[in-house]
Amino acid sequence: MFNLRSLAAIILLLCVSGAHAQTNTFATGNMHFDAKDMDTNGDKMITRAEMMKYGEQMWDKMANGKDTIPIAVASKDFATGGLAFNARAMDTDHDGTISKEEFLAYAGRKFDKMKKTDGMIPVADAAKAFSRGNPHPSQANESTSPPK
């Protein structure tokens, strides 16, 4: 026969495992924003096409094959990935989720609002405009190490 402590432990384990089963599978935790990654040709400038291609890659990491992402999950991915995007503002149809089209349209609007030179933005400007300021762990280590 179970004593009260054993019963409480079993109930706690069931609650924890049930809560774990309900966690959202959308959040990948592997999203990381770095403006330098947008600059595919290495000219230190970002075209709209480069940014949109990068946006598609980011979407693929976040969505993990799904058509939409809940706003709360997208917000968490943006925060942990270092991207200063507003998930709620992306949800233009107000259904509580973000589609790839909404995500890319938002990214395009952000790019369009920036000051450009010959239709391009400098990598440094993109970093300031889009970065939340959470460096990737490898970059955090670089920034704290003394210069060589």
Protein backbone atom coordinates (compact mmCIF):
# COMPACT_ATOMS: atom_id res chain seq x y z
CA MET A 1 0.00 0.00 0.00
CA PHE A 2 1.20 3.50 -0.80
CA ASN A 3 1.94 5.95 1.92
CA LEU A 4 1.03 9.60 1.53
CA ARG A 5 4.55 10.68 0.48
CA SER A 6 4.69 8.06 -2.28
CA LEU A 7 1.28 9.12 -3.56
CA ALA A 8 2.33 12.79 -3.56
CA ALA A 9 5.53 11.94 -5.45
CA ILE A 10 3.59 9.99 -8.08
CA ILE A 11 1.11 12.84 -8.54
CA LEU A 12 3.97 15.32 -8.84
CA LEU A 13 5.70 13.17 -11.46
CA LEU A 14 2.48 12.85 -13.45
CA CYS A 15 1.93 16.61 -13.35
CA VAL A 16 5.49 17.34 -14.42
CA SER A 17 5.41 14.81 -17.25
CA GLY A 18 2.01 16.13 -18.36
CA ALA A 19 3.32 19.69 -18.36
CA HIS A 20 6.37 18.57 -20.30
CA ALA A 21 4.20 16.85 -22.90
CA GLN A 22 2.28 20.09 -23.38
CA THR A 23 5.35 22.22 -24.12
CA ASN A 24 5.24 23.72 -27.56
CA THR A 25 7.33 21.93 -30.14
CA PHE A 26 7.68 25.08 -32.25
CA ALA A 27 10.35 26.74 -30.14
CA THR A 28 13.65 25.40 -31.32
CA GLY A 29 16.10 27.41 -29.28
CA ASN A 30 18.57 27.19 -32.17
CA MET A 31 17.64 30.50 -33.74
CA HIS A 32 20.40 33.09 -33.63
CA PHE A 33 20.43 36.49 -35.29
CA ASP A 34 23.67 37.87 -36.66
CA ALA A 35 23.55 40.70 -39.19
CA LYS A 36 26.88 39.57 -40.67
CA ASP A 37 25.18 36.33 -41.74
CA MET A 38 22.86 38.32 -44.01
CA ASP A 39 25.78 39.66 -46.03
CA THR A 40 26.20 36.66 -48.31
CA ASN A 41 28.63 38.32 -50.74
CA GLY A 42 30.88 39.82 -48.06
CA ASP A 43 30.63 43.46 -49.19
CA LYS A 44 29.51 44.64 -45.71
CA MET A 45 26.21 45.79 -47.26
CA ILE A 46 22.84 44.02 -47.18
CA THR A 47 20.40 44.08 -50.07
CA ARG A 48 16.69 43.48 -49.58
CA ALA A 49 17.13 40.13 -51.35
CA GLU A 50 19.90 39.09 -48.93
CA MET A 51 17.76 40.06 -45.97
CA MET A 52 14.72 38.20 -47.25
CA LYS A 53 16.77 35.07 -47.94
CA TYR A 54 18.12 35.26 -44.39
CA GLY A 55 14.55 35.73 -43.14
CA GLU A 56 13.48 32.55 -44.90
CA GLN A 57 16.33 30.66 -43.25
CA MET A 58 15.32 32.04 -39.85
CA TRP A 59 11.71 31.05 -40.47
CA ASP A 60 12.77 27.50 -41.31
CA LYS A 61 14.68 27.26 -38.03
CA MET A 62 11.76 28.60 -36.01
CA ALA A 63 8.85 26.90 -37.73
CA ASN A 64 10.41 23.46 -38.01
CA GLY A 65 8.12 22.57 -40.91
CA LYS A 66 4.94 24.11 -39.45
CA ASP A 67 2.78 26.64 -41.33
CA THR A 68 2.39 29.02 -38.40
CA ILE A 69 4.01 29.79 -35.06
CA PRO A 70 2.09 31.02 -31.99
CA ILE A 71 2.95 34.61 -31.09
CA ALA A 72 4.25 33.65 -27.64
CA VAL A 73 6.62 31.07 -29.11
CA ALA A 74 7.87 33.47 -31.79
CA SER A 75 8.47 36.14 -29.13
CA LYS A 76 10.53 33.67 -27.11
CA ASP A 77 12.53 32.61 -30.18
CA PHE A 78 13.19 36.25 -31.10
CA ALA A 79 14.34 37.04 -27.56
CA THR A 80 16.60 34.04 -27.18
CA GLY A 81 17.87 34.42 -30.74
CA GLY A 82 18.78 38.06 -30.21
CA LEU A 83 16.33 39.45 -32.77
CA ALA A 84 14.48 42.68 -31.97
CA PHE A 85 11.26 41.83 -33.82
CA ASN A 86 7.75 42.36 -32.44
CA ALA A 87 5.81 39.12 -32.87
CA ARG A 88 2.45 40.71 -32.05
CA ALA A 89 2.95 43.37 -34.76
CA MET A 90 3.65 40.61 -37.29
CA ASP A 91 0.27 38.99 -36.71
CA THR A 92 -1.59 41.13 -39.21
CA ASP A 93 -4.63 38.83 -39.40
CA HIS A 94 -4.85 38.77 -35.56
CA ASP A 95 -5.24 34.99 -35.31
CA GLY A 96 -2.65 34.59 -32.56
CA THR A 97 -0.10 33.04 -34.89
CA ILE A 98 2.52 34.19 -37.36
CA SER A 99 2.76 32.73 -40.83
CA LYS A 100 5.86 32.74 -42.99
CA GLU A 101 4.24 35.41 -45.17
CA GLU A 102 3.57 37.64 -42.14
CA PHE A 103 7.11 37.12 -40.86
CA LEU A 104 8.72 37.99 -44.19
CA ALA A 105 6.41 40.95 -44.80
CA TYR A 106 7.39 42.38 -41.40
CA ALA A 107 11.09 41.88 -42.15
CA GLY A 108 10.64 43.59 -45.52
CA ARG A 109 8.89 46.56 -43.91
CA LYS A 110 11.72 46.90 -41.38
CA PHE A 111 14.25 46.91 -44.22
CA ASP A 112 12.21 49.39 -46.27
CA LYS A 113 12.11 51.88 -43.37
CA MET A 114 15.88 51.99 -43.01
CA LYS A 115 18.16 54.57 -44.58
CA LYS A 116 19.88 53.03 -47.58
CA THR A 117 22.83 53.66 -49.84
CA ASP A 118 22.22 52.43 -53.38
CA GLY A 119 19.31 50.34 -52.05
CA MET A 120 21.46 48.60 -49.45
CA ILE A 121 22.02 48.93 -45.71
CA PRO A 122 25.37 48.53 -43.96
CA VAL A 123 25.78 45.41 -41.84
CA ALA A 124 26.47 47.60 -38.80
CA ASP A 125 23.16 49.46 -39.29
CA ALA A 126 21.27 46.18 -39.62
CA ALA A 127 22.89 44.92 -36.43
CA LYS A 128 21.75 48.04 -34.55
CA ALA A 129 18.24 48.00 -36.02
CA PHE A 130 17.46 44.30 -35.70
CA SER A 131 19.60 43.03 -32.82
CA ARG A 132 18.14 42.68 -29.37
CA GLY A 133 21.64 42.81 -27.97
CA ASN A 134 21.86 39.21 -26.78
CA PRO A 135 25.14 37.97 -28.24
CA HIS A 136 25.46 34.36 -29.28
CA PRO A 137 27.35 32.43 -26.57
CA SER A 138 30.42 32.16 -28.80
CA GLN A 139 30.39 35.92 -29.42
CA ALA A 140 29.86 36.64 -25.72
CA ASN A 141 33.07 34.76 -24.99
CA GLU A 142 34.89 36.71 -27.70
CA SER A 143 33.72 40.05 -26.35
CA THR A 144 34.91 39.28 -22.82
CA SER A 145 38.32 38.01 -23.81
CA PRO A 146 41.16 40.52 -23.81
CA PRO A 147 42.36 41.79 -27.19
CA LYS A 148 45.34 39.97 -28.62
